[in-house]
C-alpha atoms as a PDB file:
ATOM      1  CA  MET A   1      -2.727  -3.209  31.220  1.00  0.00           C
ATOM      2  CA  ASN A   2      -3.157  -0.144  29.140  1.00  0.00           C
ATOM      3  CA  ARG A   3      -1.718   0.698  25.553  1.00  0.00           C
ATOM      4  CA  GLU A   4       1.342   2.460  27.201  1.00  0.00           C
ATOM      5  CA  GLU A   5       1.991  -0.155  29.456  1.00  0.00           C
ATOM      6  CA  ILE A   6       2.652  -2.724  26.832  1.00  0.00           C
ATOM      7  CA  TYR A   7       5.051  -0.473  25.135  1.00  0.00           C
ATOM      8  CA  SER A   8       6.360   1.082  28.636  1.00  0.00           C
ATOM      9  CA  ASN A   9       9.745  -1.099  28.975  1.00  0.00           C
ATOM     10  CA  GLU A  10      12.534  -3.235  27.060  1.00  0.00           C
ATOM     11  CA  ASN A  11      11.081  -6.541  27.607  1.00  0.00           C
ATOM     12  CA  SER A  12       7.246  -5.501  26.519  1.00  0.00           C
ATOM     13  CA  MET A  13       8.930  -3.916  23.165  1.00  0.00           C
ATOM     14  CA  GLU A  14      10.613  -7.396  22.799  1.00  0.00           C
ATOM     15  CA  ASN A  15       7.678  -8.868  23.300  1.00  0.00           C
ATOM     16  CA  PHE A  16       6.075  -6.572  20.540  1.00  0.00           C
ATOM     17  CA  ILE A  17       8.258  -6.685  18.363  1.00  0.00           C
ATOM     18  CA  ASN A  18       7.892 -10.423  18.126  1.00  0.00           C
ATOM     19  CA  ASP A  19       4.191  -9.961  18.205  1.00  0.00           C
ATOM     20  CA  VAL A  20       3.915  -8.246  14.887  1.00  0.00           C
ATOM     21  CA  ASN A  21       6.659 -10.524  13.439  1.00  0.00           C
ATOM     22  CA  ARG A  22       4.054 -13.196  14.259  1.00  0.00           C
ATOM     23  CA  ILE A  23       0.919 -11.181  12.587  1.00  0.00           C
ATOM     24  CA  TYR A  24       2.936 -10.079   9.563  1.00  0.00           C
ATOM     25  CA  ASN A  25       4.011 -14.303   9.253  1.00  0.00           C
ATOM     26  CA  LEU A  26       0.048 -15.119  10.291  1.00  0.00           C
ATOM     27  CA  TRP A  27      -1.228 -12.991   7.760  1.00  0.00           C
ATOM     28  CA  LEU A  28       0.829 -14.204   4.148  1.00  0.00           C
ATOM     29  CA  ASP A  29      -0.705 -17.373   5.695  1.00  0.00           C
ATOM     30  CA  ILE A  30      -4.293 -16.757   5.770  1.00  0.00           C
ATOM     31  CA  VAL A  31      -3.879 -14.939   2.175  1.00  0.00           C
ATOM     32  CA  VAL A  32      -1.384 -16.590   0.500  1.00  0.00           C
ATOM     33  CA  LEU A  33      -1.823 -20.116   1.967  1.00  0.00           C
ATOM     34  CA  LYS A  34      -5.846 -19.642   2.470  1.00  0.00           C
ATOM     35  CA  LYS A  35      -5.325 -20.427   5.952  1.00  0.00           C
ATOM     36  CA  TYR A  36      -9.228 -18.984   7.106  1.00  0.00           C
ATOM     37  CA  GLN A  37      -9.000 -20.809  10.441  1.00  0.00           C
ATOM     38  CA  LEU A  38      -6.079 -18.177  11.646  1.00  0.00           C
ATOM     39  CA  LEU A  39      -8.396 -15.468  11.916  1.00  0.00           C
ATOM     40  CA  SER A  40      -8.740 -15.937  14.637  1.00  0.00           C
ATOM     41  CA  GLU A  41      -5.344 -16.285  16.422  1.00  0.00           C
ATOM     42  CA  LEU A  42      -4.503 -13.241  14.308  1.00  0.00           C
ATOM     43  CA  SER A  43      -7.898 -11.505  15.646  1.00  0.00           C
ATOM     44  CA  GLN A  44      -6.799 -12.726  19.319  1.00  0.00           C
ATOM     45  CA  ILE A  45      -3.251 -10.919  19.673  1.00  0.00           C
ATOM     46  CA  LEU A  46      -4.603  -7.748  18.214  1.00  0.00           C
ATOM     47  CA  LYS A  47      -7.274  -7.616  20.605  1.00  0.00           C
ATOM     48  CA  TYR A  48      -4.089  -7.453  23.603  1.00  0.00           C
ATOM     49  CA  TYR A  49      -3.036  -4.163  21.867  1.00  0.00           C
ATOM     50  CA  MET A  50      -6.136  -2.904  21.938  1.00  0.00           C
ATOM     51  CA  ILE A  51      -6.635  -2.994  18.536  1.00  0.00           C
ATOM     52  CA  ILE A  52      -9.997  -4.237  18.447  1.00  0.00           C
ATOM     53  CA  SER A  53     -13.556  -3.331  20.214  1.00  0.00           C
ATOM     54  CA  ASN A  54     -15.653  -5.536  19.151  1.00  0.00           C
ATOM     55  CA  LEU A  55     -13.851  -8.956  17.654  1.00  0.00           C
ATOM     56  CA  ASN A  56     -16.856  -9.894  15.711  1.00  0.00           C
ATOM     57  CA  VAL A  57     -16.925  -7.065  13.861  1.00  0.00           C
ATOM     58  CA  PHE A  58     -12.802  -6.555  13.366  1.00  0.00           C
ATOM     59  CA  LEU A  59     -13.165 -10.411  12.010  1.00  0.00           C
ATOM     60  CA  SER A  60     -16.108  -8.793   9.479  1.00  0.00           C
ATOM     61  CA  GLU A  61     -13.351  -6.481   8.343  1.00  0.00           C
ATOM     62  CA  LEU A  62     -10.583  -8.596   8.121  1.00  0.00           C
ATOM     63  CA  GLU A  63     -13.075 -10.676   5.849  1.00  0.00           C
ATOM     64  CA  LYS A  64     -13.679  -8.098   3.738  1.00  0.00           C
ATOM     65  CA  ILE A  65      -9.695  -7.253   3.383  1.00  0.00           C
ATOM     66  CA  ILE A  66      -9.537 -11.005   2.219  1.00  0.00           C
ATOM     67  CA  LEU A  67     -12.332  -9.868  -0.865  1.00  0.00           C
ATOM     68  CA  ASP A  68     -10.540  -6.934  -1.773  1.00  0.00           C
ATOM     69  CA  LEU A  69      -7.178  -8.498  -1.874  1.00  0.00           C
ATOM     70  CA  GLU A  70      -8.674 -11.417  -4.315  1.00  0.00           C
ATOM     71  CA  ASN A  71     -10.136  -8.759  -6.321  1.00  0.00           C
ATOM     72  CA  ASP A  72      -6.841  -6.993  -6.371  1.00  0.00           C
ATOM     73  CA  LEU A  73      -4.974 -10.298  -7.054  1.00  0.00           C
ATOM     74  CA  GLU A  74      -7.398 -10.940 -10.131  1.00  0.00           C
ATOM     75  CA  PHE A  75      -6.625  -7.567 -11.704  1.00  0.00           C
ATOM     76  CA  ILE A  76      -3.224  -7.948 -11.232  1.00  0.00           C
ATOM     77  CA  PHE A  77      -3.580 -11.150 -13.586  1.00  0.00           C
ATOM     78  CA  SER A  78      -5.501  -9.213 -16.130  1.00  0.00           C
ATOM     79  CA  LYS A  79      -2.461  -6.795 -16.327  1.00  0.00           C
ATOM     80  CA  ASP A  80       0.153  -8.872 -16.636  1.00  0.00           C
ATOM     81  CA  PRO A  81       0.854 -11.189 -19.201  1.00  0.00           C
ATOM     82  CA  ALA A  82       4.090 -12.636 -17.724  1.00  0.00           C
ATOM     83  CA  ALA A  83       2.299 -14.264 -15.196  1.00  0.00           C
ATOM     84  CA  ILE A  84       0.875 -17.647 -16.111  1.00  0.00           C
ATOM     85  CA  SER A  85      -1.719 -18.278 -12.646  1.00  0.00           C
ATOM     86  CA  LEU A  86      -3.213 -16.520 -10.049  1.00  0.00           C
ATOM     87  CA  ASP A  87      -1.225 -18.487  -7.438  1.00  0.00           C
ATOM     88  CA  GLU A  88       2.370 -17.026  -9.072  1.00  0.00           C
ATOM     89  CA  ILE A  89       1.065 -14.026  -8.200  1.00  0.00           C
ATOM     90  CA  ARG A  90       0.149 -14.400  -4.079  1.00  0.00           C
ATOM     91  CA  PHE A  91       3.002 -16.793  -3.776  1.00  0.00           C
ATOM     92  CA  SER A  92       5.864 -14.684  -5.312  1.00  0.00           C
ATOM     93  CA  TYR A  93       4.843 -11.414  -6.955  1.00  0.00           C
ATOM     94  CA  LEU A  94       6.181  -8.531  -4.626  1.00  0.00           C
ATOM     95  CA  GLY A  95       3.599  -5.667  -5.491  1.00  0.00           C
ATOM     96  CA  PHE A  96       0.806  -8.602  -4.546  1.00  0.00           C
ATOM     97  CA  HIS A  97       2.708  -9.001  -0.622  1.00  0.00           C
ATOM     98  CA  ALA A  98       3.024  -5.354  -0.353  1.00  0.00           C
ATOM     99  CA  ILE A  99      -0.705  -4.679  -1.385  1.00  0.00           C
ATOM    100  CA  THR A 100      -1.599  -7.682   1.531  1.00  0.00           C
ATOM    101  CA  ILE A 101       0.859  -6.178   4.072  1.00  0.00           C
ATOM    102  CA  TYR A 102      -0.619  -2.736   3.199  1.00  0.00           C
ATOM    103  CA  ARG A 103      -4.329  -3.912   3.415  1.00  0.00           C
ATOM    104  CA  ILE A 104      -4.338  -4.647   7.367  1.00  0.00           C
ATOM    105  CA  ALA A 105      -1.563  -1.887   8.310  1.00  0.00           C
ATOM    106  CA  ASN A 106      -4.420   0.205   7.178  1.00  0.00           C
ATOM    107  CA  LEU A 107      -7.275  -1.329   9.014  1.00  0.00           C
ATOM    108  CA  ILE A 108      -4.878  -1.415  12.310  1.00  0.00           C
ATOM    109  CA  ASN A 109      -4.198   2.096  11.637  1.00  0.00           C
ATOM    110  CA  ASN A 110      -8.072   3.035  11.148  1.00  0.00           C
ATOM    111  CA  ASN A 111      -8.541   1.597  14.368  1.00  0.00           C
ATOM    112  CA  GLY A 112      -6.182   3.832  16.739  1.00  0.00           C
ATOM    113  CA  ASN A 113      -3.200   1.779  16.696  1.00  0.00           C
ATOM    114  CA  ARG A 114      -0.361   3.798  14.340  1.00  0.00           C
ATOM    115  CA  PHE A 115       2.342   2.200  15.490  1.00  0.00           C
ATOM    116  CA  PHE A 116       1.935  -1.178  14.900  1.00  0.00           C
ATOM    117  CA  ALA A 117       0.761  -0.240  11.819  1.00  0.00           C
ATOM    118  CA  ARG A 118       3.905   1.402  10.581  1.00  0.00           C
ATOM    119  CA  ARG A 119       6.091  -1.572  12.355  1.00  0.00           C
ATOM    120  CA  LEU A 120       3.979  -3.659   9.813  1.00  0.00           C
ATOM    121  CA  SER A 121       4.616  -1.994   6.957  1.00  0.00           C
ATOM    122  CA  PHE A 122       8.440  -1.393   7.967  1.00  0.00           C
ATOM    123  CA  LEU A 123       8.741  -5.280   7.780  1.00  0.00           C
ATOM    124  CA  SER A 124       6.871  -4.811   3.883  1.00  0.00           C
ATOM    125  CA  GLN A 125       9.541  -2.529   3.247  1.00  0.00           C
ATOM    126  CA  LYS A 126      12.725  -4.809   3.853  1.00  0.00           C
ATOM    127  CA  GLU A 127      11.020  -7.204   2.210  1.00  0.00           C
ATOM    128  CA  THR A 128       9.828  -5.903  -1.257  1.00  0.00           C
ATOM    129  CA  ALA A 129      11.288  -2.191  -1.632  1.00  0.00           C
ATOM    130  CA  ILE A 130       8.134  -1.033  -1.797  1.00  0.00           C
ATOM    131  CA  ASP A 131       6.563   2.094   1.100  1.00  0.00           C
ATOM    132  CA  ILE A 132       3.311   2.388   1.573  1.00  0.00           C
ATOM    133  CA  HIS A 133       2.084   4.620   4.535  1.00  0.00           C
ATOM    134  CA  PRO A 134      -0.586   2.834   6.209  1.00  0.00           C
ATOM    135  CA  ALA A 135      -2.645   5.926   6.444  1.00  0.00           C
ATOM    136  CA  ALA A 136      -2.732   6.116   2.777  1.00  0.00           C
ATOM    137  CA  THR A 137      -6.342   5.262   0.873  1.00  0.00           C
ATOM    138  CA  ILE A 138      -6.165   2.656  -1.704  1.00  0.00           C
ATOM    139  CA  LEU A 139      -9.298   1.268  -3.043  1.00  0.00           C
ATOM    140  CA  SER A 140      -9.581  -1.909  -4.571  1.00  0.00           C
ATOM    141  CA  PRO A 141      -8.916  -3.214  -7.116  1.00  0.00           C
ATOM    142  CA  PHE A 142      -4.886  -2.069  -7.209  1.00  0.00           C
ATOM    143  CA  ALA A 143      -2.258  -3.367  -8.958  1.00  0.00           C
ATOM    144  CA  ILE A 144       1.660  -2.938  -8.469  1.00  0.00           C
ATOM    145  CA  ASP A 145       3.831  -4.587 -11.365  1.00  0.00           C
ATOM    146  CA  HIS A 146       7.149  -5.215 -10.628  1.00  0.00           C
ATOM    147  CA  GLY A 147       7.450  -2.704  -7.528  1.00  0.00           C
ATOM    148  CA  THR A 148      10.980  -2.120  -6.424  1.00  0.00           C
ATOM    149  CA  GLY A 149      11.453   1.733  -5.291  1.00  0.00           C
ATOM    150  CA  ILE A 150       7.593   2.915  -4.908  1.00  0.00           C
ATOM    151  CA  VAL A 151       6.976   5.567  -2.854  1.00  0.00           C
ATOM    152  CA  ILE A 152       3.070   6.075  -1.366  1.00  0.00           C
ATOM    153  CA  GLY A 153       2.649   8.748   1.303  1.00  0.00           C
ATOM    154  CA  GLU A 154       0.318   9.096   4.082  1.00  0.00           C
ATOM    155  CA  THR A 155      -2.331  11.038   2.743  1.00  0.00           C
ATOM    156  CA  THR A 156      -2.591   9.626  -0.856  1.00  0.00           C
ATOM    157  CA  PHE A 157      -5.911   8.959  -2.546  1.00  0.00           C
ATOM    158  CA  ILE A 158      -5.582   6.325  -4.760  1.00  0.00           C
ATOM    159  CA  GLY A 159      -9.360   5.295  -6.341  1.00  0.00           C
ATOM    160  CA  ARG A 160     -10.207   1.957  -8.169  1.00  0.00           C
ATOM    161  CA  TYR A 161      -8.524  -0.221 -11.098  1.00  0.00           C
ATOM    162  CA  VAL A 162      -5.208   1.814 -10.971  1.00  0.00           C
ATOM    163  CA  THR A 163      -1.747   0.556 -12.106  1.00  0.00           C
ATOM    164  CA  LEU A 164       1.293   1.958 -10.462  1.00  0.00           C
ATOM    165  CA  TYR A 165       5.031   0.568 -12.229  1.00  0.00           C
ATOM    166  CA  HIS A 166       8.713   0.901 -10.365  1.00  0.00           C
ATOM    167  CA  GLY A 167       9.551   4.214  -9.242  1.00  0.00           C
ATOM    168  CA  VAL A 168       6.487   5.898  -9.145  1.00  0.00           C
ATOM    169  CA  THR A 169       5.981   8.258  -6.069  1.00  0.00           C
ATOM    170  CA  LEU A 170       3.394   9.496  -4.778  1.00  0.00           C
ATOM    171  CA  GLY A 171       4.902  12.247  -2.335  1.00  0.00           C
ATOM    172  CA  ALA A 172       4.509  15.799  -0.839  1.00  0.00           C
ATOM    173  CA  LEU A 173       5.985  19.090  -2.152  1.00  0.00           C
ATOM    174  CA  SER A 174       6.391  20.112   1.406  1.00  0.00           C
ATOM    175  CA  VAL A 175       7.789  18.273   4.172  1.00  0.00           C
ATOM    176  CA  LYS A 176       7.027  21.255   6.627  1.00  0.00           C
ATOM    177  CA  ARG A 177       6.281  19.887  10.372  1.00  0.00           C
ATOM    178  CA  ILE A 178       3.377  22.538   9.413  1.00  0.00           C
ATOM    179  CA  LYS A 179       2.120  20.748   7.283  1.00  0.00           C
ATOM    180  CA  ALA A 180       1.457  17.387   9.629  1.00  0.00           C
ATOM    181  CA  GLY A 181      -2.469  16.413   9.238  1.00  0.00           C
ATOM    182  CA  GLN A 182      -2.904  18.282   5.992  1.00  0.00           C
ATOM    183  CA  LYS A 183      -3.171  16.574   2.815  1.00  0.00           C
ATOM    184  CA  ARG A 184       0.069  16.789   1.059  1.00  0.00           C
ATOM    185  CA  HIS A 185       0.004  14.061  -0.909  1.00  0.00           C
ATOM    186  CA  PRO A 186      -1.601  13.216  -4.488  1.00  0.00           C
ATOM    187  CA  THR A 187      -5.355  11.982  -5.268  1.00  0.00           C
ATOM    188  CA  ILE A 188      -5.284   9.368  -8.495  1.00  0.00           C
ATOM    189  CA  GLU A 189      -8.895   8.887  -9.651  1.00  0.00           C
ATOM    190  CA  ASN A 190      -9.639   5.399 -11.566  1.00  0.00           C
ATOM    191  CA  ASN A 191      -8.520   3.759 -14.060  1.00  0.00           C
ATOM    192  CA  VAL A 192      -5.304   5.276 -13.868  1.00  0.00           C
ATOM    193  CA  THR A 193      -1.690   3.731 -15.163  1.00  0.00           C
ATOM    194  CA  ILE A 194       1.154   5.574 -14.052  1.00  0.00           C
ATOM    195  CA  TYR A 195       4.147   3.915 -15.445  1.00  0.00           C
ATOM    196  CA  ALA A 196       8.120   3.324 -14.317  1.00  0.00           C
ATOM    197  CA  ASN A 197       9.900   5.985 -12.093  1.00  0.00           C
ATOM    198  CA  SER A 198       7.229   9.140 -12.465  1.00  0.00           C
ATOM    199  CA  THR A 199       7.255  11.648  -9.636  1.00  0.00           C
ATOM    200  CA  ILE A 200       3.950  12.642  -8.731  1.00  0.00           C
ATOM    201  CA  LEU A 201       3.910  15.909  -5.482  1.00  0.00           C
ATOM    202  CA  GLY A 202       1.502  17.713  -3.709  1.00  0.00           C
ATOM    203  CA  GLY A 203      -2.221  17.335  -1.812  1.00  0.00           C
ATOM    204  CA  GLU A 204      -3.652  19.649  -4.456  1.00  0.00           C
ATOM    205  CA  THR A 205      -2.646  17.333  -7.185  1.00  0.00           C
ATOM    206  CA  ILE A 206      -5.226  15.523  -9.038  1.00  0.00           C
ATOM    207  CA  ILE A 207      -4.796  12.639 -11.803  1.00  0.00           C
ATOM    208  CA  GLY A 208      -7.847  12.601 -13.340  1.00  0.00           C
ATOM    209  CA  GLN A 209      -9.919   9.178 -14.493  1.00  0.00           C
ATOM    210  CA  ASN A 210      -8.526   6.747 -17.186  1.00  0.00           C
ATOM    211  CA  SER A 211      -5.366   8.938 -17.702  1.00  0.00           C
ATOM    212  CA  ILE A 212      -2.296   7.299 -18.561  1.00  0.00           C
ATOM    213  CA  ILE A 213       1.467   9.065 -16.977  1.00  0.00           C
ATOM    214  CA  GLY A 214       4.290   7.931 -19.084  1.00  0.00           C
ATOM    215  CA  CYS A 215       7.527   7.176 -17.551  1.00  0.00           C
ATOM    216  CA  ASN A 216       9.659   9.623 -16.448  1.00  0.00           C
ATOM    217  CA  THR A 217       7.132  12.529 -15.900  1.00  0.00           C
ATOM    218  CA  VAL A 218       7.069  14.571 -12.669  1.00  0.00           C
ATOM    219  CA  ILE A 219       3.515  16.103 -12.027  1.00  0.00           C
ATOM    220  CA  SER A 220       2.500  18.746  -9.817  1.00  0.00           C
ATOM    221  CA  GLU A 221      -0.769  20.113 -10.795  1.00  0.00           C
ATOM    222  CA  LYS A 222      -4.157  19.010 -11.655  1.00  0.00           C
ATOM    223  CA  ILE A 223      -4.207  16.674 -14.967  1.00  0.00           C
ATOM    224  CA  LEU A 224      -7.745  16.287 -16.438  1.00  0.00           C
ATOM    225  CA  PRO A 225      -9.213  12.821 -17.070  1.00  0.00           C
ATOM    226  CA  LYS A 226      -8.545  10.873 -20.309  1.00  0.00           C
ATOM    227  CA  SER A 227      -5.153  12.461 -20.269  1.00  0.00           C
ATOM    228  CA  ILE A 228      -1.521  11.240 -21.635  1.00  0.00           C
ATOM    229  CA  ILE A 229       1.474  12.360 -20.367  1.00  0.00           C
ATOM    230  CA  HIS A 230       4.654  11.537 -21.009  1.00  0.00           C
ATOM    231  CA  ARG A 231       8.210  13.153 -20.875  1.00  0.00           C
ATOM    232  CA  GLN A 232       9.820  15.133 -24.727  1.00  0.00           C
ATOM    233  CA  MET A 233      12.337  12.639 -25.503  1.00  0.00           C
ATOM    234  CA  ASP A 234      15.380  14.053 -27.290  1.00  0.00           C
ATOM    235  CA  ILE A 235      17.106  12.401 -29.936  1.00  0.00           C
ATOM    236  CA  PHE A 236      20.584  13.856 -31.161  1.00  0.00           C
ATOM    237  CA  ASN A 237      22.268  12.714 -33.879  1.00  0.00           C
ATOM    238  CA  VAL A 238      26.169  13.584 -33.752  1.00  0.00           C
ATOM    239  CA  SER A 239      27.896  12.488 -36.661  1.00  0.00           C
ATOM    240  CA  VAL A 240      31.709  11.124 -36.365  1.00  0.00           C
END
């Protein structure tokens, strides 16, 4: 059976949706509950969908992702004084949940099955209200704090030791079809913190390393390394 036949009829599509749900839950069990014995079962389901050409290579890629997620976990813990343990983050942080699903969706996307990857991302967005395109490039470690409302577009690049807060948008300046396949979303270099509700737009926009982007800022140009960007707050004293 080829990939087109898998998606060609109603019964096959229902099976596909059920299998994606199974992969979603299996992967969370592997990462959150550390049930590494399930890696083989997960890989066999993915193999059916032509995502895997070499099972051993794919298993080694999954194991690398698990190591990346452990680094993400440690980084989140180091950034959040409210966290009392790694297990608290592993079991109850929406940001870590979203990163967990993104990392396997990204691997599946890079192995040529965008449809499958997008379905996984859809399930994660329903659970977390965090929208990460599976084709985005996000290095490890990476932290999302709170996270509700975050949007990370398809061609975004995020370096190491980056933290995003809720409501951040890493988006495009244009949504014209002619831009498909082009770099439309920003590049975030290493050691950058972007605070709540900031919007960073455009494929030529680069946030230089070691920068801090304050709340509610809108950026569509290159920011030099070691910059601190904040929105001017106007305070009016009204006499009664």
